[in-house]
Amino acid sequence: MGGKLRYYPPKPDLLEDAMFEQEIELEKKTSSIVPLLLIVSLIVAVVGVALYFVVESRKVLTTAEAAPVVLASLDGQGQPTLRFQTGLLKGSVAEKTRDPHYRLLEKAGYVKMGKETGGKTPISLTPQGETFLTEIVGVKKSKNKDGNDEYAVPLAQRRLVEVGKITMLTPSKATVEYTWKWETNKAGDLLDAAGPAVKAFNTWDRSTLIDKYGANFYHAAPTKVTVALLKGNKGWQIATE
């Protein structure tokens, strides 16, 4: 009567049961959230990949991108070159002193050919020929094992006129139509197959000038070409296959 109420703490078993139930509830909530997060992540990944391919498929090869590739291809083909020697020349299977390119240069007044003696023919540059060579950019002169001077004279360069139609075959493959023409120097004009200097020779000699000594129809209409381009790790490049 009138005594104070005593506090009796819960039994340890009851506390453990309550904590165990809380852990179970937490595990249930966690186990339901993890699959949901995985599903959401998968959906985001799929949508991201789909958007990437949609964006890539809409990309096209532009003229500005194609032009440098085409220019590099044209430059990579090199320049046609006229090669000849001056000094005391002995004819060989590969080159004879009476081959048409020497006669062409002689008619133009650029070299002087002397009389053959002992199987060798003296050939020298004239003052006009020296001027002719100094006016051409890229002429290379060297001395061969016989002590003669060898000249390599560039004749023309390929110049891009325009890049035309570009057709996308896949996001990483396209065909490009372009037009190029020859840009000649003075030597190239001399060796134009349709020009008066070359046409003055007979059919056999004209063929020899074209096949061996760089003559070509340099002033013909521009040439149209279609090439395939592939996009790789280094960007767009001419397809090799």
C-alpha atoms as a PDB file:
ATOM      1  CA  MET A   1       0.000   0.000   0.000  1.00  0.00           C
ATOM      2  CA  GLY A   2       1.287   3.356  -1.011  1.00  0.00           C
ATOM      3  CA  GLY A   3       4.556   1.613  -2.094  1.00  0.00           C
ATOM      4  CA  LYS A   4       6.522   2.663  -5.209  1.00  0.00           C
ATOM      5  CA  LEU A   5       6.085   0.699  -8.448  1.00  0.00           C
ATOM      6  CA  ARG A   6       9.079  -1.310  -9.357  1.00  0.00           C
ATOM      7  CA  TYR A   7      10.514  -1.373 -12.911  1.00  0.00           C
ATOM      8  CA  TYR A   8      11.167  -4.779 -14.280  1.00  0.00           C
ATOM      9  CA  PRO A   9      13.356  -4.663 -17.464  1.00  0.00           C
ATOM     10  CA  PRO A  10      12.242  -6.869 -20.358  1.00  0.00           C
ATOM     11  CA  LYS A  11      13.756 -10.223 -20.499  1.00  0.00           C
ATOM     12  CA  PRO A  12      16.789 -10.614 -22.782  1.00  0.00           C
ATOM     13  CA  ASP A  13      14.968 -13.134 -24.973  1.00  0.00           C
ATOM     14  CA  LEU A  14      12.252 -10.622 -25.814  1.00  0.00           C
ATOM     15  CA  LEU A  15      14.841  -7.998 -26.865  1.00  0.00           C
ATOM     16  CA  GLU A  16      16.646 -10.451 -29.094  1.00  0.00           C
ATOM     17  CA  ASP A  17      13.403 -11.491 -30.769  1.00  0.00           C
ATOM     18  CA  ALA A  18      12.510  -7.880 -31.518  1.00  0.00           C
ATOM     19  CA  MET A  19      15.933  -7.137 -33.005  1.00  0.00           C
ATOM     20  CA  PHE A  20      15.791 -10.289 -35.101  1.00  0.00           C
ATOM     21  CA  GLU A  21      12.418  -9.277 -36.536  1.00  0.00           C
ATOM     22  CA  GLN A  22      13.818  -5.846 -37.434  1.00  0.00           C
ATOM     23  CA  GLU A  23      16.770  -7.431 -39.230  1.00  0.00           C
ATOM     24  CA  ILE A  24      14.423  -9.665 -41.206  1.00  0.00           C
ATOM     25  CA  GLU A  25      12.325  -6.677 -42.261  1.00  0.00           C
ATOM     26  CA  LEU A  26      15.448  -4.781 -43.319  1.00  0.00           C
ATOM     27  CA  GLU A  27      16.693  -7.733 -45.370  1.00  0.00           C
ATOM     28  CA  LYS A  28      13.309  -7.997 -47.081  1.00  0.00           C
ATOM     29  CA  LYS A  29      13.398  -4.332 -48.044  1.00  0.00           C
ATOM     30  CA  THR A  30      17.010  -4.606 -49.260  1.00  0.00           C
ATOM     31  CA  SER A  31      16.313  -7.757 -51.243  1.00  0.00           C
ATOM     32  CA  SER A  32      13.447  -6.047 -53.038  1.00  0.00           C
ATOM     33  CA  ILE A  33      15.454  -2.862 -53.835  1.00  0.00           C
ATOM     34  CA  VAL A  34      18.535  -4.569 -55.348  1.00  0.00           C
ATOM     35  CA  PRO A  35      16.692  -6.303 -58.244  1.00  0.00           C
ATOM     36  CA  LEU A  36      14.861  -3.052 -58.938  1.00  0.00           C
ATOM     37  CA  LEU A  37      18.152  -1.156 -59.179  1.00  0.00           C
ATOM     38  CA  LEU A  38      19.568  -3.818 -61.482  1.00  0.00           C
ATOM     39  CA  ILE A  39      16.529  -3.583 -63.749  1.00  0.00           C
ATOM     40  CA  VAL A  40      16.737   0.220 -63.845  1.00  0.00           C
ATOM     41  CA  SER A  41      20.475   0.072 -64.633  1.00  0.00           C
ATOM     42  CA  LEU A  42      19.864  -2.418 -67.436  1.00  0.00           C
ATOM     43  CA  ILE A  43      17.138  -0.241 -68.938  1.00  0.00           C
ATOM     44  CA  VAL A  44      19.405   2.826 -68.805  1.00  0.00           C
ATOM     45  CA  ALA A  45      22.240   0.884 -70.473  1.00  0.00           C
ATOM     46  CA  VAL A  46      19.989  -0.423 -73.263  1.00  0.00           C
ATOM     47  CA  VAL A  47      18.525   3.018 -73.906  1.00  0.00           C
ATOM     48  CA  GLY A  48      22.020   4.547 -73.918  1.00  0.00           C
ATOM     49  CA  VAL A  49      23.334   2.037 -76.458  1.00  0.00           C
ATOM     50  CA  ALA A  50      20.249   2.519 -78.620  1.00  0.00           C
ATOM     51  CA  LEU A  51      20.658   6.297 -78.559  1.00  0.00           C
ATOM     52  CA  TYR A  52      24.358   5.953 -79.445  1.00  0.00           C
ATOM     53  CA  PHE A  53      23.588   3.882 -82.522  1.00  0.00           C
ATOM     54  CA  VAL A  54      20.782   6.226 -83.539  1.00  0.00           C
ATOM     55  CA  VAL A  55      23.118   9.219 -83.303  1.00  0.00           C
ATOM     56  CA  GLU A  56      25.940   7.399 -85.125  1.00  0.00           C
ATOM     57  CA  SER A  57      23.610   6.238 -87.890  1.00  0.00           C
ATOM     58  CA  ARG A  58      22.606   9.825 -88.561  1.00  0.00           C
ATOM     59  CA  LYS A  59      26.201  11.008 -88.911  1.00  0.00           C
ATOM     60  CA  VAL A  60      27.371  11.469 -92.490  1.00  0.00           C
ATOM     61  CA  LEU A  61      30.767  11.945 -94.107  1.00  0.00           C
ATOM     62  CA  THR A  62      31.002  15.604 -95.061  1.00  0.00           C
ATOM     63  CA  THR A  63      32.856  17.138 -97.979  1.00  0.00           C
ATOM     64  CA  ALA A  64      35.188  18.854 -95.515  1.00  0.00           C
ATOM     65  CA  GLU A  65      36.095  15.452 -94.033  1.00  0.00           C
ATOM     66  CA  ALA A  66      36.428  13.669 -97.380  1.00  0.00           C
ATOM     67  CA  ALA A  67      38.588  16.282 -99.141  1.00  0.00           C
ATOM     68  CA  PRO A  68      41.783  15.808 -97.040  1.00  0.00           C
ATOM     69  CA  VAL A  69      41.538  12.023 -97.460  1.00  0.00           C
ATOM     70  CA  VAL A  70      41.230  12.354-101.232  1.00  0.00           C
ATOM     71  CA  LEU A  71      44.072  14.896-101.370  1.00  0.00           C
ATOM     72  CA  ALA A  72      46.350  12.568 -99.416  1.00  0.00           C
ATOM     73  CA  SER A  73      45.490   9.752-101.819  1.00  0.00           C
ATOM     74  CA  LEU A  74      46.335  11.897-104.858  1.00  0.00           C
ATOM     75  CA  ASP A  75      49.626  13.049-103.341  1.00  0.00           C
ATOM     76  CA  GLY A  76      50.488   9.473-102.416  1.00  0.00           C
ATOM     77  CA  GLN A  77      50.424   8.424-106.062  1.00  0.00           C
ATOM     78  CA  GLY A  78      53.562  10.431-106.711  1.00  0.00           C
ATOM     79  CA  GLN A  79      54.584  12.536-109.699  1.00  0.00           C
ATOM     80  CA  PRO A  80      55.426  11.391-113.212  1.00  0.00           C
ATOM     81  CA  THR A  81      59.117  11.998-113.838  1.00  0.00           C
ATOM     82  CA  LEU A  82      61.446  12.359-116.821  1.00  0.00           C
ATOM     83  CA  ARG A  83      64.900  10.873-116.220  1.00  0.00           C
ATOM     84  CA  PHE A  84      67.931  11.476-118.406  1.00  0.00           C
ATOM     85  CA  GLN A  85      71.733  11.758-118.202  1.00  0.00           C
ATOM     86  CA  THR A  86      74.430  14.071-119.437  1.00  0.00           C
ATOM     87  CA  GLY A  87      78.066  13.178-119.888  1.00  0.00           C
ATOM     88  CA  LEU A  88      79.666  10.395-121.902  1.00  0.00           C
ATOM     89  CA  LEU A  89      76.849   7.883-122.267  1.00  0.00           C
ATOM     90  CA  LYS A  90      77.084   4.264-123.260  1.00  0.00           C
ATOM     91  CA  GLY A  91      73.880   2.725-124.521  1.00  0.00           C
ATOM     92  CA  SER A  92      72.299  -0.120-122.555  1.00  0.00           C
ATOM     93  CA  VAL A  93      69.257  -2.353-122.760  1.00  0.00           C
ATOM     94  CA  ALA A  94      67.388  -0.063-120.360  1.00  0.00           C
ATOM     95  CA  GLU A  95      68.307   3.190-122.084  1.00  0.00           C
ATOM     96  CA  LYS A  96      69.789   4.050-125.451  1.00  0.00           C
ATOM     97  CA  THR A  97      71.256   7.389-126.385  1.00  0.00           C
ATOM     98  CA  ARG A  98      68.960   7.541-129.409  1.00  0.00           C
ATOM     99  CA  ASP A  99      65.835   6.897-127.355  1.00  0.00           C
ATOM    100  CA  PRO A 100      63.052   9.392-128.111  1.00  0.00           C
ATOM    101  CA  HIS A 101      63.355  11.371-124.854  1.00  0.00           C
ATOM    102  CA  TYR A 102      66.910  12.439-125.792  1.00  0.00           C
ATOM    103  CA  ARG A 103      65.788  13.370-129.285  1.00  0.00           C
ATOM    104  CA  LEU A 104      62.847  15.274-127.802  1.00  0.00           C
ATOM    105  CA  LEU A 105      65.150  17.266-125.524  1.00  0.00           C
ATOM    106  CA  GLU A 106      67.544  17.852-128.415  1.00  0.00           C
ATOM    107  CA  LYS A 107      64.776  19.159-130.686  1.00  0.00           C
ATOM    108  CA  ALA A 108      63.646  21.478-127.884  1.00  0.00           C
ATOM    109  CA  GLY A 109      67.198  22.844-127.660  1.00  0.00           C
ATOM    110  CA  TYR A 110      67.802  21.629-124.098  1.00  0.00           C
ATOM    111  CA  VAL A 111      70.595  19.116-124.773  1.00  0.00           C
ATOM    112  CA  LYS A 112      73.317  18.736-127.376  1.00  0.00           C
ATOM    113  CA  MET A 113      74.254  15.277-128.614  1.00  0.00           C
ATOM    114  CA  GLY A 114      77.691  14.686-130.105  1.00  0.00           C
ATOM    115  CA  LYS A 115      78.923  11.965-132.428  1.00  0.00           C
ATOM    116  CA  GLU A 116      79.166   8.456-131.027  1.00  0.00           C
ATOM    117  CA  THR A 117      82.750   7.266-130.535  1.00  0.00           C
ATOM    118  CA  GLY A 118      83.722   3.865-129.238  1.00  0.00           C
ATOM    119  CA  GLY A 119      80.154   3.033-128.318  1.00  0.00           C
ATOM    120  CA  LYS A 120      79.749   6.194-126.245  1.00  0.00           C
ATOM    121  CA  THR A 121      77.873   9.386-127.049  1.00  0.00           C
ATOM    122  CA  PRO A 122      78.598  12.779-125.455  1.00  0.00           C
ATOM    123  CA  ILE A 123      75.444  14.550-124.278  1.00  0.00           C
ATOM    124  CA  SER A 124      75.513  17.953-122.617  1.00  0.00           C
ATOM    125  CA  LEU A 125      73.050  20.538-121.360  1.00  0.00           C
ATOM    126  CA  THR A 126      72.781  23.685-123.420  1.00  0.00           C
ATOM    127  CA  PRO A 127      72.494  27.090-121.710  1.00  0.00           C
ATOM    128  CA  GLN A 128      68.809  26.973-122.634  1.00  0.00           C
ATOM    129  CA  GLY A 129      68.561  23.549-121.016  1.00  0.00           C
ATOM    130  CA  GLU A 130      70.176  24.791-117.809  1.00  0.00           C
ATOM    131  CA  THR A 131      67.660  27.630-117.640  1.00  0.00           C
ATOM    132  CA  PHE A 132      64.862  25.168-118.371  1.00  0.00           C
ATOM    133  CA  LEU A 133      65.813  22.992-115.383  1.00  0.00           C
ATOM    134  CA  THR A 134      66.300  25.888-112.953  1.00  0.00           C
ATOM    135  CA  GLU A 135      62.743  27.046-113.658  1.00  0.00           C
ATOM    136  CA  ILE A 136      61.259  23.706-112.574  1.00  0.00           C
ATOM    137  CA  VAL A 137      60.668  23.050-108.875  1.00  0.00           C
ATOM    138  CA  GLY A 138      61.797  19.676-107.571  1.00  0.00           C
ATOM    139  CA  VAL A 139      64.473  18.730-110.117  1.00  0.00           C
ATOM    140  CA  LYS A 140      66.977  16.290-108.613  1.00  0.00           C
ATOM    141  CA  LYS A 141      70.547  15.943-109.837  1.00  0.00           C
ATOM    142  CA  SER A 142      72.970  13.178-108.872  1.00  0.00           C
ATOM    143  CA  LYS A 143      76.198  11.569-110.053  1.00  0.00           C
ATOM    144  CA  ASN A 144      76.151   7.911-111.122  1.00  0.00           C
ATOM    145  CA  LYS A 145      78.917   5.299-111.029  1.00  0.00           C
ATOM    146  CA  ASP A 146      80.027   6.205-114.561  1.00  0.00           C
ATOM    147  CA  GLY A 147      80.595   9.815-113.564  1.00  0.00           C
ATOM    148  CA  ASN A 148      77.615  11.080-115.539  1.00  0.00           C
ATOM    149  CA  ASP A 149      75.036  13.531-114.206  1.00  0.00           C
ATOM    150  CA  GLU A 150      71.559  12.074-113.749  1.00  0.00           C
ATOM    151  CA  TYR A 151      68.477  14.290-113.716  1.00  0.00           C
ATOM    152  CA  ALA A 152      65.015  13.478-112.379  1.00  0.00           C
ATOM    153  CA  VAL A 153      62.558  16.084-113.624  1.00  0.00           C
ATOM    154  CA  PRO A 154      58.988  16.145-112.218  1.00  0.00           C
ATOM    155  CA  LEU A 155      56.405  16.738-114.915  1.00  0.00           C
ATOM    156  CA  ALA A 156      53.042  17.298-113.235  1.00  0.00           C
ATOM    157  CA  GLN A 157      50.959  16.981-110.089  1.00  0.00           C
ATOM    158  CA  ARG A 158      47.457  15.662-109.551  1.00  0.00           C
ATOM    159  CA  ARG A 159      45.146  18.448-108.375  1.00  0.00           C
ATOM    160  CA  LEU A 160      41.715  17.979-106.819  1.00  0.00           C
ATOM    161  CA  VAL A 161      39.018  19.808-108.757  1.00  0.00           C
ATOM    162  CA  GLU A 162      36.045  18.964-106.558  1.00  0.00           C
ATOM    163  CA  VAL A 163      34.507  16.402-104.232  1.00  0.00           C
ATOM    164  CA  GLY A 164      31.141  15.364-105.630  1.00  0.00           C
ATOM    165  CA  LYS A 165      28.469  12.983-104.404  1.00  0.00           C
ATOM    166  CA  ILE A 166      29.001  11.187-101.089  1.00  0.00           C
ATOM    167  CA  THR A 167      26.917   8.069-100.440  1.00  0.00           C
ATOM    168  CA  MET A 168      26.740   6.550 -96.953  1.00  0.00           C
ATOM    169  CA  LEU A 169      26.611   2.741 -97.155  1.00  0.00           C
ATOM    170  CA  THR A 170      26.885   2.198 -93.394  1.00  0.00           C
ATOM    171  CA  PRO A 171      27.781   4.574 -90.540  1.00  0.00           C
ATOM    172  CA  SER A 172      31.439   3.644 -91.106  1.00  0.00           C
ATOM    173  CA  LYS A 173      31.563   3.167 -94.891  1.00  0.00           C
ATOM    174  CA  ALA A 174      30.903   5.557 -97.753  1.00  0.00           C
ATOM    175  CA  THR A 175      31.615   6.043-101.435  1.00  0.00           C
ATOM    176  CA  VAL A 176      32.999   9.361-102.606  1.00  0.00           C
ATOM    177  CA  GLU A 177      32.972  10.721-106.135  1.00  0.00           C
ATOM    178  CA  TYR A 178      35.644  13.268-106.958  1.00  0.00           C
ATOM    179  CA  THR A 179      37.292  14.916-109.957  1.00  0.00           C
ATOM    180  CA  TRP A 180      40.986  15.626-110.453  1.00  0.00           C
ATOM    181  CA  LYS A 181      43.211  17.019-113.195  1.00  0.00           C
ATOM    182  CA  TRP A 182      46.895  17.322-114.036  1.00  0.00           C
ATOM    183  CA  GLU A 183      48.739  20.519-113.231  1.00  0.00           C
ATOM    184  CA  THR A 184      51.855  20.591-115.395  1.00  0.00           C
ATOM    185  CA  ASN A 185      55.084  22.523-115.342  1.00  0.00           C
ATOM    186  CA  LYS A 186      57.134  23.443-118.422  1.00  0.00           C
ATOM    187  CA  ALA A 187      58.535  19.915-118.727  1.00  0.00           C
ATOM    188  CA  GLY A 188      55.061  18.416-118.478  1.00  0.00           C
ATOM    189  CA  ASP A 189      53.839  20.698-121.243  1.00  0.00           C
ATOM    190  CA  LEU A 190      56.726  19.492-123.407  1.00  0.00           C
ATOM    191  CA  LEU A 191      55.778  15.855-122.771  1.00  0.00           C
ATOM    192  CA  ASP A 192      52.042  16.287-123.291  1.00  0.00           C
ATOM    193  CA  ALA A 193      51.103  13.326-125.491  1.00  0.00           C
ATOM    194  CA  ALA A 194      48.674  15.497-127.421  1.00  0.00           C
ATOM    195  CA  GLY A 195      51.172  18.333-127.827  1.00  0.00           C
ATOM    196  CA  PRO A 196      53.209  19.125-130.943  1.00  0.00           C
ATOM    197  CA  ALA A 197      56.577  17.956-129.555  1.00  0.00           C
ATOM    198  CA  VAL A 198      55.380  14.397-128.855  1.00  0.00           C
ATOM    199  CA  LYS A 199      53.056  14.174-131.858  1.00  0.00           C
ATOM    200  CA  ALA A 200      56.034  14.874-134.116  1.00  0.00           C
ATOM    201  CA  PHE A 201      57.317  11.337-133.378  1.00  0.00           C
ATOM    202  CA  ASN A 202      56.076   8.142-134.957  1.00  0.00           C
ATOM    203  CA  THR A 203      53.642   5.816-133.203  1.00  0.00           C
ATOM    204  CA  TRP A 204      56.360   3.573-131.756  1.00  0.00           C
ATOM    205  CA  ASP A 205      58.346   6.457-130.299  1.00  0.00           C
ATOM    206  CA  ARG A 206      55.207   8.095-128.879  1.00  0.00           C
ATOM    207  CA  SER A 207      54.356   4.834-127.135  1.00  0.00           C
ATOM    208  CA  THR A 208      57.896   4.666-125.741  1.00  0.00           C
ATOM    209  CA  LEU A 209      57.655   8.221-124.434  1.00  0.00           C
ATOM    210  CA  ILE A 210      54.363   7.369-122.705  1.00  0.00           C
ATOM    211  CA  ASP A 211      55.451   3.990-121.327  1.00  0.00           C
ATOM    212  CA  LYS A 212      58.980   4.879-120.168  1.00  0.00           C
ATOM    213  CA  TYR A 213      59.543   8.612-120.025  1.00  0.00           C
ATOM    214  CA  GLY A 214      56.485  10.202-118.445  1.00  0.00           C
ATOM    215  CA  ALA A 215      54.563  11.487-121.459  1.00  0.00           C
ATOM    216  CA  ASN A 216      50.805  11.633-120.896  1.00  0.00           C
ATOM    217  CA  PHE A 217      47.673  13.431-122.004  1.00  0.00           C
ATOM    218  CA  TYR A 218      48.196  16.087-119.382  1.00  0.00           C
ATOM    219  CA  HIS A 219      45.749  18.586-120.821  1.00  0.00           C
ATOM    220  CA  ALA A 220      42.856  16.173-121.264  1.00  0.00           C
ATOM    221  CA  ALA A 221      39.526  16.690-119.484  1.00  0.00           C
ATOM    222  CA  PRO A 222      39.534  16.193-115.694  1.00  0.00           C
ATOM    223  CA  THR A 223      39.206  12.596-114.511  1.00  0.00           C
ATOM    224  CA  LYS A 224      36.238  11.432-112.423  1.00  0.00           C
ATOM    225  CA  VAL A 225      36.882   8.756-109.794  1.00  0.00           C
ATOM    226  CA  THR A 226      34.770   6.910-107.215  1.00  0.00           C
ATOM    227  CA  VAL A 227      36.473   5.515-104.110  1.00  0.00           C
ATOM    228  CA  ALA A 228      35.304   3.745-100.959  1.00  0.00           C
ATOM    229  CA  LEU A 229      36.178   5.227 -97.573  1.00  0.00           C
ATOM    230  CA  LEU A 230      36.136   3.403 -94.235  1.00  0.00           C
ATOM    231  CA  LYS A 231      35.998   4.967 -90.782  1.00  0.00           C
ATOM    232  CA  GLY A 232      38.366   3.396 -88.248  1.00  0.00           C
ATOM    233  CA  ASN A 233      40.344   4.351 -85.170  1.00  0.00           C
ATOM    234  CA  LYS A 234      42.315   6.890 -87.221  1.00  0.00           C
ATOM    235  CA  GLY A 235      39.248   8.422 -88.821  1.00  0.00           C
ATOM    236  CA  TRP A 236      38.200   8.149 -92.461  1.00  0.00           C
ATOM    237  CA  GLN A 237      40.638   6.464 -94.840  1.00  0.00           C
ATOM    238  CA  ILE A 238      40.638   5.044 -98.370  1.00  0.00           C
ATOM    239  CA  ALA A 239      39.472   1.412 -98.295  1.00  0.00           C
ATOM    240  CA  THR A 240      42.275  -0.901 -99.393  1.00  0.00           C
ATOM    241  CA  GLU A 241      40.035  -3.815-100.313  1.00  0.00           C
END
